[in-house]
Amino acid sequence: MIAFNSKDISSHEIATILDAHYQIALRACLQCSSLMHEMLQTSEQGAV
C-alpha cells in the first residue's frame, strides 16, 4: 500500500480526478488507520 496526499488538494478530489481522467480506482480518507494519520498529522485531510 502506498499512501499520499497534497497540501493543496483534498484526498477526495485527487481520487475523483484520477478516477475520472485515468480510470484509476483509489480509496481516499483514513483507510481504517486513524492512529497512523494522527502520527503523520494527516487526520484532517486523510490520504489517497
PDB file of N, CA and C in Angstrom:
ATOM      1  N   MET A   1       0.843  -1.178   0.000  1.00  0.00           N
ATOM      2  CA  MET A   1       0.000   0.000   0.000  1.00  0.00           C
ATOM      3  C   MET A   1       0.885   1.238   0.000  1.00  0.00           C
ATOM      4  N   ILE A   2       0.526   2.169  -0.821  1.00  0.00           N
ATOM      5  CA  ILE A   2       1.212   3.456  -0.871  1.00  0.00           C
ATOM      6  C   ILE A   2       0.171   4.524  -0.559  1.00  0.00           C
ATOM      7  N   ALA A   3       0.450   5.359   0.404  1.00  0.00           N
ATOM      8  CA  ALA A   3      -0.459   6.448   0.760  1.00  0.00           C
ATOM      9  C   ALA A   3       0.226   7.778   0.473  1.00  0.00           C
ATOM     10  N   PHE A   4      -0.548   8.725  -0.068  1.00  0.00           N
ATOM     11  CA  PHE A   4       0.000  10.053  -0.337  1.00  0.00           C
ATOM     12  C   PHE A   4      -1.104  11.083  -0.216  1.00  0.00           C
ATOM     13  N   ASN A   5      -0.697  12.344  -0.110  1.00  0.00           N
ATOM     14  CA  ASN A   5      -1.651  13.448  -0.150  1.00  0.00           C
ATOM     15  C   ASN A   5      -0.948  14.692  -0.673  1.00  0.00           C
ATOM     16  N   SER A   6      -1.707  15.727  -0.883  1.00  0.00           N
ATOM     17  CA  SER A   6      -1.196  17.005  -1.369  1.00  0.00           C
ATOM     18  C   SER A   6      -1.674  18.078  -0.414  1.00  0.00           C
ATOM     19  N   LYS A   7      -0.838  19.046  -0.152  1.00  0.00           N
ATOM     20  CA  LYS A   7      -1.236  20.123   0.756  1.00  0.00           C
ATOM     21  C   LYS A   7      -2.346  20.975   0.154  1.00  0.00           C
ATOM     22  N   ASP A   8      -2.406  21.059  -1.188  1.00  0.00           N
ATOM     23  CA  ASP A   8      -3.336  21.973  -1.842  1.00  0.00           C
ATOM     24  C   ASP A   8      -4.627  21.331  -2.341  1.00  0.00           C
ATOM     25  N   ILE A   9      -4.663  19.996  -2.412  1.00  0.00           N
ATOM     26  CA  ILE A   9      -5.830  19.304  -2.963  1.00  0.00           C
ATOM     27  C   ILE A   9      -6.277  18.227  -1.970  1.00  0.00           C
ATOM     28  N   SER A  10      -7.568  18.171  -1.713  1.00  0.00           N
ATOM     29  CA  SER A  10      -8.065  17.170  -0.764  1.00  0.00           C
ATOM     30  C   SER A  10      -7.882  15.769  -1.330  1.00  0.00           C
ATOM     31  N   SER A  11      -7.793  14.798  -0.442  1.00  0.00           N
ATOM     32  CA  SER A  11      -7.614  13.414  -0.876  1.00  0.00           C
ATOM     33  C   SER A  11      -8.796  12.939  -1.715  1.00  0.00           C
ATOM     34  N   HIS A  12      -9.995  13.402  -1.388  1.00  0.00           N
ATOM     35  CA  HIS A  12     -11.179  13.010  -2.161  1.00  0.00           C
ATOM     36  C   HIS A  12     -11.119  13.587  -3.575  1.00  0.00           C
ATOM     37  N   GLU A  13     -10.648  14.820  -3.690  1.00  0.00           N
ATOM     38  CA  GLU A  13     -10.555  15.443  -5.015  1.00  0.00           C
ATOM     39  C   GLU A  13      -9.499  14.739  -5.877  1.00  0.00           C
ATOM     40  N   ILE A  14      -8.371  14.371  -5.287  1.00  0.00           N
ATOM     41  CA  ILE A  14      -7.335  13.642  -6.024  1.00  0.00           C
ATOM     42  C   ILE A  14      -7.894  12.324  -6.539  1.00  0.00           C
ATOM     43  N   ALA A  15      -8.574  11.587  -5.673  1.00  0.00           N
ATOM     44  CA  ALA A  15      -9.146  10.298  -6.068  1.00  0.00           C
ATOM     45  C   ALA A  15     -10.179  10.470  -7.178  1.00  0.00           C
ATOM     46  N   THR A  16     -10.985  11.500  -7.095  1.00  0.00           N
ATOM     47  CA  THR A  16     -12.002  11.758  -8.111  1.00  0.00           C
ATOM     48  C   THR A  16     -11.361  12.093  -9.457  1.00  0.00           C
ATOM     49  N   ILE A  17     -10.338  12.930  -9.446  1.00  0.00           N
ATOM     50  CA  ILE A  17      -9.648  13.309 -10.687  1.00  0.00           C
ATOM     51  C   ILE A  17      -8.981  12.097 -11.328  1.00  0.00           C
ATOM     52  N   LEU A  18      -8.271  11.297 -10.538  1.00  0.00           N
ATOM     53  CA  LEU A  18      -7.594  10.130 -11.093  1.00  0.00           C
ATOM     54  C   LEU A  18      -8.582   9.110 -11.645  1.00  0.00           C
ATOM     55  N   ASP A  19      -9.728   8.982 -10.993  1.00  0.00           N
ATOM     56  CA  ASP A  19     -10.749   8.064 -11.486  1.00  0.00           C
ATOM     57  C   ASP A  19     -11.374   8.588 -12.776  1.00  0.00           C
ATOM     58  N   ALA A  20     -11.757   9.854 -12.796  1.00  0.00           N
ATOM     59  CA  ALA A  20     -12.458  10.426 -13.949  1.00  0.00           C
ATOM     60  C   ALA A  20     -11.577  10.508 -15.193  1.00  0.00           C
ATOM     61  N   HIS A  21     -10.321  10.874 -15.025  1.00  0.00           N
ATOM     62  CA  HIS A  21      -9.452  11.103 -16.177  1.00  0.00           C
ATOM     63  C   HIS A  21      -8.628   9.890 -16.594  1.00  0.00           C
ATOM     64  N   TYR A  22      -8.312   9.016 -15.646  1.00  0.00           N
ATOM     65  CA  TYR A  22      -7.395   7.911 -15.936  1.00  0.00           C
ATOM     66  C   TYR A  22      -7.946   6.535 -15.566  1.00  0.00           C
ATOM     67  N   GLN A  23      -9.218   6.483 -15.105  1.00  0.00           N
ATOM     68  CA  GLN A  23      -9.858   5.236 -14.694  1.00  0.00           C
ATOM     69  C   GLN A  23      -9.023   4.470 -13.658  1.00  0.00           C
ATOM     70  N   ILE A  24      -8.418   5.222 -12.739  1.00  0.00           N
ATOM     71  CA  ILE A  24      -7.655   4.640 -11.639  1.00  0.00           C
ATOM     72  C   ILE A  24      -8.544   4.696 -10.400  1.00  0.00           C
ATOM     73  N   ALA A  25      -8.921   3.548  -9.886  1.00  0.00           N
ATOM     74  CA  ALA A  25      -9.779   3.485  -8.711  1.00  0.00           C
ATOM     75  C   ALA A  25      -8.914   3.508  -7.454  1.00  0.00           C
ATOM     76  N   LEU A  26      -9.194   4.455  -6.575  1.00  0.00           N
ATOM     77  CA  LEU A  26      -8.428   4.640  -5.339  1.00  0.00           C
ATOM     78  C   LEU A  26      -9.372   4.782  -4.163  1.00  0.00           C
ATOM     79  N   ARG A  27      -8.816   4.667  -3.001  1.00  0.00           N
ATOM     80  CA  ARG A  27      -9.581   4.909  -1.777  1.00  0.00           C
ATOM     81  C   ARG A  27      -8.986   6.144  -1.109  1.00  0.00           C
ATOM     82  N   ALA A  28      -9.822   7.072  -0.777  1.00  0.00           N
ATOM     83  CA  ALA A  28      -9.376   8.308  -0.134  1.00  0.00           C
ATOM     84  C   ALA A  28     -10.009   8.438   1.242  1.00  0.00           C
ATOM     85  N   CYS A  29      -9.241   8.844   2.205  1.00  0.00           N
ATOM     86  CA  CYS A  29      -9.714   9.133   3.559  1.00  0.00           C
ATOM     87  C   CYS A  29      -8.707   8.607   4.563  1.00  0.00           C
ATOM     88  N   LEU A  30      -9.185   7.947   5.619  1.00  0.00           N
ATOM     89  CA  LEU A  30      -8.301   7.490   6.692  1.00  0.00           C
ATOM     90  C   LEU A  30      -7.903   6.026   6.573  1.00  0.00           C
ATOM     91  N   GLN A  31      -8.393   5.294   5.580  1.00  0.00           N
ATOM     92  CA  GLN A  31      -8.046   3.894   5.323  1.00  0.00           C
ATOM     93  C   GLN A  31      -8.033   3.021   6.580  1.00  0.00           C
ATOM     94  N   CYS A  32      -8.956   3.215   7.465  1.00  0.00           N
ATOM     95  CA  CYS A  32      -9.082   2.397   8.684  1.00  0.00           C
ATOM     96  C   CYS A  32      -7.805   2.399   9.527  1.00  0.00           C
ATOM     97  N   SER A  33      -7.050   3.461   9.452  1.00  0.00           N
ATOM     98  CA  SER A  33      -5.805   3.537  10.243  1.00  0.00           C
ATOM     99  C   SER A  33      -5.671   4.925  10.862  1.00  0.00           C
ATOM    100  N   SER A  34      -6.642   5.271  11.692  1.00  0.00           N
ATOM    101  CA  SER A  34      -6.661   6.605  12.278  1.00  0.00           C
ATOM    102  C   SER A  34      -5.438   6.901  13.140  1.00  0.00           C
ATOM    103  N   LEU A  35      -4.865   5.898  13.801  1.00  0.00           N
ATOM    104  CA  LEU A  35      -3.666   6.138  14.613  1.00  0.00           C
ATOM    105  C   LEU A  35      -2.479   6.558  13.752  1.00  0.00           C
ATOM    106  N   MET A  36      -2.337   5.957  12.573  1.00  0.00           N
ATOM    107  CA  MET A  36      -1.259   6.349  11.667  1.00  0.00           C
ATOM    108  C   MET A  36      -1.455   7.795  11.227  1.00  0.00           C
ATOM    109  N   HIS A  37      -2.701   8.176  10.924  1.00  0.00           N
ATOM    110  CA  HIS A  37      -2.957   9.545  10.490  1.00  0.00           C
ATOM    111  C   HIS A  37      -2.725  10.546  11.618  1.00  0.00           C
ATOM    112  N   GLU A  38      -3.003  10.165  12.831  1.00  0.00           N
ATOM    113  CA  GLU A  38      -2.699  11.038  13.966  1.00  0.00           C
ATOM    114  C   GLU A  38      -1.194  11.260  14.059  1.00  0.00           C
ATOM    115  N   MET A  39      -0.409  10.183  13.908  1.00  0.00           N
ATOM    116  CA  MET A  39       1.043  10.277  13.992  1.00  0.00           C
ATOM    117  C   MET A  39       1.598  11.148  12.855  1.00  0.00           C
ATOM    118  N   LEU A  40       1.047  10.992  11.643  1.00  0.00           N
ATOM    119  CA  LEU A  40       1.517  11.750  10.481  1.00  0.00           C
ATOM    120  C   LEU A  40       0.889  13.135  10.369  1.00  0.00           C
ATOM    121  N   GLN A  41      -0.023  13.437  11.265  1.00  0.00           N
ATOM    122  CA  GLN A  41      -0.754  14.699  11.284  1.00  0.00           C
ATOM    123  C   GLN A  41      -1.531  14.919   9.980  1.00  0.00           C
ATOM    124  N   THR A  42      -2.166  13.848   9.504  1.00  0.00           N
ATOM    125  CA  THR A  42      -2.991  13.932   8.299  1.00  0.00           C
ATOM    126  C   THR A  42      -4.450  13.590   8.593  1.00  0.00           C
ATOM    127  N   SER A  43      -4.849  13.656   9.843  1.00  0.00           N
ATOM    128  CA  SER A  43      -6.210  13.291  10.231  1.00  0.00           C
ATOM    129  C   SER A  43      -7.265  14.180   9.570  1.00  0.00           C
ATOM    130  N   GLU A  44      -6.960  15.443   9.366  1.00  0.00           N
ATOM    131  CA  GLU A  44      -7.912  16.365   8.758  1.00  0.00           C
ATOM    132  C   GLU A  44      -8.139  16.039   7.289  1.00  0.00           C
ATOM    133  N   GLN A  45      -7.058  15.741   6.561  1.00  0.00           N
ATOM    134  CA  GLN A  45      -7.119  15.555   5.126  1.00  0.00           C
ATOM    135  C   GLN A  45      -7.204  14.100   4.717  1.00  0.00           C
ATOM    136  N   GLY A  46      -6.660  13.211   5.510  1.00  0.00           N
ATOM    137  CA  GLY A  46      -6.589  11.817   5.104  1.00  0.00           C
ATOM    138  C   GLY A  46      -5.511  11.622   4.051  1.00  0.00           C
ATOM    139  N   ALA A  47      -5.610  10.554   3.299  1.00  0.00           N
ATOM    140  CA  ALA A  47      -4.644  10.261   2.256  1.00  0.00           C
ATOM    141  C   ALA A  47      -5.328   9.480   1.149  1.00  0.00           C
ATOM    142  N   VAL A  48      -4.652   9.395   0.030  1.00  0.00           N
ATOM    143  CA  VAL A  48      -5.152   8.623  -1.105  1.00  0.00           C
ATOM    144  C   VAL A  48      -4.440   7.297  -1.091  1.00  0.00           C
TER     145      VAL A  48
END
